[in-house]
């Protein structure tokens, strides 16, 4: 089993960050380019991975009261993960994303996962900034 975790501080209220992250129809804007999520019958989703050109059944649960999103594959049990948003200072949030791979064949490796998590958090921060700036302007 392999586990990976990254965090990023964002200049936005935790509710704004969580609301952006939890919108299934907009996850493609911040997830790694190779992953696409389609809502099915909640909490069921389908995750399409460009690298393998496969669709995988998964679950995605949003827990607004905890500002947490949890996901994982249903059929193969290959991986799970979570994203947690917390307020740190006035007007700022810390976002932590964690992935666990139970199947070594599904684990892309430390460098690839670390880069994907860092890029995803940067993209999420940009989406939040655009949303907050759009609401203010």
C-alpha atoms as a PDB file:
ATOM      1  CA  UNK A   1       0.000   0.000   0.000  1.00  0.00           C
ATOM      2  CA  UNK A   2       1.236   3.498  -0.873  1.00  0.00           C
ATOM      3  CA  UNK A   3      -0.002   6.749   0.631  1.00  0.00           C
ATOM      4  CA  UNK A   4       0.534  10.304  -0.574  1.00  0.00           C
ATOM      5  CA  UNK A   5      -0.486  13.652   0.846  1.00  0.00           C
ATOM      6  CA  UNK A   6      -0.089  17.291  -0.123  1.00  0.00           C
ATOM      7  CA  UNK A   7      -1.451  20.544   1.280  1.00  0.00           C
ATOM      8  CA  UNK A   8      -1.804  24.117   0.101  1.00  0.00           C
ATOM      9  CA  UNK A   9      -2.881  27.337   1.775  1.00  0.00           C
ATOM     10  CA  UNK A  10      -5.376  29.394  -0.220  1.00  0.00           C
ATOM     11  CA  UNK A  11      -6.497  32.999   0.231  1.00  0.00           C
ATOM     12  CA  UNK A  12     -10.203  32.288   0.480  1.00  0.00           C
ATOM     13  CA  UNK A  13     -12.772  31.358   3.090  1.00  0.00           C
ATOM     14  CA  UNK A  14     -12.978  27.583   3.716  1.00  0.00           C
ATOM     15  CA  UNK A  15     -16.617  27.496   2.568  1.00  0.00           C
ATOM     16  CA  UNK A  16     -15.671  29.039  -0.777  1.00  0.00           C
ATOM     17  CA  UNK A  17     -12.892  26.500  -1.310  1.00  0.00           C
ATOM     18  CA  UNK A  18     -15.042  23.544  -0.309  1.00  0.00           C
ATOM     19  CA  UNK A  19     -17.978  24.674  -2.452  1.00  0.00           C
ATOM     20  CA  UNK A  20     -15.711  24.847  -5.511  1.00  0.00           C
ATOM     21  CA  UNK A  21     -14.007  21.511  -4.820  1.00  0.00           C
ATOM     22  CA  UNK A  22     -17.270  19.654  -4.172  1.00  0.00           C
ATOM     23  CA  UNK A  23     -19.000  20.538  -7.465  1.00  0.00           C
ATOM     24  CA  UNK A  24     -18.829  17.243  -9.370  1.00  0.00           C
ATOM     25  CA  UNK A  25     -19.642  18.894 -12.712  1.00  0.00           C
ATOM     26  CA  UNK A  26     -16.631  21.220 -12.305  1.00  0.00           C
ATOM     27  CA  UNK A  27     -14.055  18.757 -10.970  1.00  0.00           C
ATOM     28  CA  UNK A  28     -12.432  18.496 -14.395  1.00  0.00           C
ATOM     29  CA  UNK A  29     -11.262  22.091 -13.949  1.00  0.00           C
ATOM     30  CA  UNK A  30      -8.930  21.148 -11.111  1.00  0.00           C
ATOM     31  CA  UNK A  31      -8.389  17.373 -11.176  1.00  0.00           C
ATOM     32  CA  UNK A  32      -5.385  16.009 -13.089  1.00  0.00           C
ATOM     33  CA  UNK A  33      -5.935  16.396 -16.847  1.00  0.00           C
ATOM     34  CA  UNK A  34      -6.100  12.622 -17.285  1.00  0.00           C
ATOM     35  CA  UNK A  35      -9.077  12.131 -14.911  1.00  0.00           C
ATOM     36  CA  UNK A  36     -12.713  12.940 -15.602  1.00  0.00           C
ATOM     37  CA  UNK A  37     -15.601  12.412 -13.168  1.00  0.00           C
ATOM     38  CA  UNK A  38     -19.207  11.837 -14.255  1.00  0.00           C
ATOM     39  CA  UNK A  39     -21.980  11.831 -11.673  1.00  0.00           C
ATOM     40  CA  UNK A  40     -24.203   8.776 -11.742  1.00  0.00           C
ATOM     41  CA  UNK A  41     -26.608   7.978  -8.908  1.00  0.00           C
ATOM     42  CA  UNK A  42     -24.954   9.666  -5.896  1.00  0.00           C
ATOM     43  CA  UNK A  43     -22.736   8.686  -4.297  1.00  0.00           C
ATOM     44  CA  UNK A  44     -21.859   6.673  -7.414  1.00  0.00           C
ATOM     45  CA  UNK A  45     -19.645   8.253 -10.056  1.00  0.00           C
ATOM     46  CA  UNK A  46     -17.679   7.043 -13.052  1.00  0.00           C
ATOM     47  CA  UNK A  47     -14.038   8.036 -13.341  1.00  0.00           C
ATOM     48  CA  UNK A  48     -12.513   8.005 -16.807  1.00  0.00           C
ATOM     49  CA  UNK A  49      -8.730   7.754 -16.934  1.00  0.00           C
ATOM     50  CA  UNK A  50      -7.200   8.922 -20.210  1.00  0.00           C
ATOM     51  CA  UNK A  51      -3.921   7.059 -19.567  1.00  0.00           C
ATOM     52  CA  UNK A  52      -5.672   3.670 -19.674  1.00  0.00           C
ATOM     53  CA  UNK A  53      -8.825   4.793 -21.555  1.00  0.00           C
ATOM     54  CA  UNK A  54     -10.847   3.019 -18.846  1.00  0.00           C
ATOM     55  CA  UNK A  55     -14.012   3.914 -17.005  1.00  0.00           C
ATOM     56  CA  UNK A  56     -14.043   2.869 -13.365  1.00  0.00           C
ATOM     57  CA  UNK A  57     -17.009   2.813 -11.001  1.00  0.00           C
ATOM     58  CA  UNK A  58     -16.307   4.789  -7.853  1.00  0.00           C
ATOM     59  CA  UNK A  59     -17.987   6.491  -4.948  1.00  0.00           C
ATOM     60  CA  UNK A  60     -17.736  10.177  -4.126  1.00  0.00           C
ATOM     61  CA  UNK A  61     -19.141  11.532  -0.907  1.00  0.00           C
ATOM     62  CA  UNK A  62     -19.281  15.189  -0.025  1.00  0.00           C
ATOM     63  CA  UNK A  63     -19.535  15.981   3.675  1.00  0.00           C
ATOM     64  CA  UNK A  64     -20.258  19.741   3.839  1.00  0.00           C
ATOM     65  CA  UNK A  65     -20.597  19.767   7.639  1.00  0.00           C
ATOM     66  CA  UNK A  66     -16.979  18.513   7.847  1.00  0.00           C
ATOM     67  CA  UNK A  67     -15.765  20.321   4.682  1.00  0.00           C
ATOM     68  CA  UNK A  68     -14.514  16.956   3.457  1.00  0.00           C
ATOM     69  CA  UNK A  69     -14.794  14.988   0.212  1.00  0.00           C
ATOM     70  CA  UNK A  70     -14.071  11.238   0.180  1.00  0.00           C
ATOM     71  CA  UNK A  71     -13.745   8.931  -2.813  1.00  0.00           C
ATOM     72  CA  UNK A  72     -12.667   5.471  -3.828  1.00  0.00           C
ATOM     73  CA  UNK A  73     -13.056   2.760  -6.408  1.00  0.00           C
ATOM     74  CA  UNK A  74     -15.857   0.275  -5.807  1.00  0.00           C
ATOM     75  CA  UNK A  75     -15.090  -2.674  -8.047  1.00  0.00           C
ATOM     76  CA  UNK A  76     -11.359  -3.218  -7.744  1.00  0.00           C
ATOM     77  CA  UNK A  77     -10.602  -1.511  -4.447  1.00  0.00           C
ATOM     78  CA  UNK A  78      -7.538   0.057  -6.047  1.00  0.00           C
ATOM     79  CA  UNK A  79      -7.487   3.442  -4.318  1.00  0.00           C
ATOM     80  CA  UNK A  80      -9.222   5.825  -1.945  1.00  0.00           C
ATOM     81  CA  UNK A  81      -8.693   9.437  -1.099  1.00  0.00           C
ATOM     82  CA  UNK A  82      -9.984  12.476   0.655  1.00  0.00           C
ATOM     83  CA  UNK A  83      -9.808  16.247   0.481  1.00  0.00           C
ATOM     84  CA  UNK A  84     -10.170  18.297   3.658  1.00  0.00           C
ATOM     85  CA  UNK A  85     -10.624  22.080   3.889  1.00  0.00           C
ATOM     86  CA  UNK A  86      -9.945  23.979   7.116  1.00  0.00           C
ATOM     87  CA  UNK A  87      -9.764  27.648   8.037  1.00  0.00           C
ATOM     88  CA  UNK A  88      -6.314  28.786   9.161  1.00  0.00           C
ATOM     89  CA  UNK A  89      -6.262  32.593   9.444  1.00  0.00           C
ATOM     90  CA  UNK A  90      -8.893  35.177   8.709  1.00  0.00           C
ATOM     91  CA  UNK A  91      -9.748  34.762   5.068  1.00  0.00           C
ATOM     92  CA  UNK A  92      -7.403  31.806   4.429  1.00  0.00           C
ATOM     93  CA  UNK A  93      -7.843  28.058   4.145  1.00  0.00           C
ATOM     94  CA  UNK A  94      -5.653  24.997   4.175  1.00  0.00           C
ATOM     95  CA  UNK A  95      -6.554  22.227   1.757  1.00  0.00           C
ATOM     96  CA  UNK A  96      -5.140  18.755   2.313  1.00  0.00           C
ATOM     97  CA  UNK A  97      -5.528  15.986  -0.236  1.00  0.00           C
ATOM     98  CA  UNK A  98      -4.622  12.382   0.580  1.00  0.00           C
ATOM     99  CA  UNK A  99      -4.469   9.308  -1.675  1.00  0.00           C
ATOM    100  CA  UNK A 100      -4.054   5.641  -0.732  1.00  0.00           C
ATOM    101  CA  UNK A 101      -3.279   3.006  -3.378  1.00  0.00           C
ATOM    102  CA  UNK A 102      -3.970  -0.586  -2.320  1.00  0.00           C
ATOM    103  CA  UNK A 103      -2.937  -2.121  -5.630  1.00  0.00           C
ATOM    104  CA  UNK A 104       0.663  -1.495  -6.714  1.00  0.00           C
ATOM    105  CA  UNK A 105      -0.401  -1.829 -10.362  1.00  0.00           C
ATOM    106  CA  UNK A 106      -2.627   1.268  -9.996  1.00  0.00           C
ATOM    107  CA  UNK A 107       0.018   3.354  -8.193  1.00  0.00           C
ATOM    108  CA  UNK A 108       1.704   5.691 -10.716  1.00  0.00           C
ATOM    109  CA  UNK A 109       4.601   6.303  -8.313  1.00  0.00           C
ATOM    110  CA  UNK A 110       5.686   9.003  -5.902  1.00  0.00           C
ATOM    111  CA  UNK A 111       6.887  11.576  -8.448  1.00  0.00           C
ATOM    112  CA  UNK A 112       3.824  11.271 -10.692  1.00  0.00           C
ATOM    113  CA  UNK A 113       1.349  11.358  -7.800  1.00  0.00           C
ATOM    114  CA  UNK A 114       3.139  14.242  -6.066  1.00  0.00           C
ATOM    115  CA  UNK A 115       3.190  16.298  -9.256  1.00  0.00           C
ATOM    116  CA  UNK A 116      -0.483  15.522  -9.940  1.00  0.00           C
ATOM    117  CA  UNK A 117      -1.518  16.510  -6.413  1.00  0.00           C
ATOM    118  CA  UNK A 118       0.499  19.744  -6.498  1.00  0.00           C
ATOM    119  CA  UNK A 119      -0.914  20.651  -9.913  1.00  0.00           C
ATOM    120  CA  UNK A 120      -4.476  19.832  -8.819  1.00  0.00           C
ATOM    121  CA  UNK A 121      -4.187  22.012  -5.727  1.00  0.00           C
ATOM    122  CA  UNK A 122      -2.812  24.906  -7.824  1.00  0.00           C
ATOM    123  CA  UNK A 123      -5.665  24.483 -10.310  1.00  0.00           C
ATOM    124  CA  UNK A 124      -8.234  24.365  -7.490  1.00  0.00           C
ATOM    125  CA  UNK A 125      -6.768  27.554  -6.027  1.00  0.00           C
ATOM    126  CA  UNK A 126      -7.075  29.244  -9.425  1.00  0.00           C
ATOM    127  CA  UNK A 127     -10.719  28.132  -9.788  1.00  0.00           C
ATOM    128  CA  UNK A 128     -11.503  29.460  -6.307  1.00  0.00           C
ATOM    129  CA  UNK A 129      -9.783  32.764  -7.117  1.00  0.00           C
ATOM    130  CA  UNK A 130     -11.789  33.116 -10.339  1.00  0.00           C
ATOM    131  CA  UNK A 131     -15.020  32.359  -8.480  1.00  0.00           C
ATOM    132  CA  UNK A 132     -14.279  34.768  -5.614  1.00  0.00           C
ATOM    133  CA  UNK A 133     -13.113  37.542  -7.972  1.00  0.00           C
ATOM    134  CA  UNK A 134     -16.197  36.986 -10.148  1.00  0.00           C
ATOM    135  CA  UNK A 135     -18.496  37.264  -7.139  1.00  0.00           C
ATOM    136  CA  UNK A 136     -16.745  40.424  -5.960  1.00  0.00           C
ATOM    137  CA  UNK A 137     -16.761  42.116  -9.352  1.00  0.00           C
END
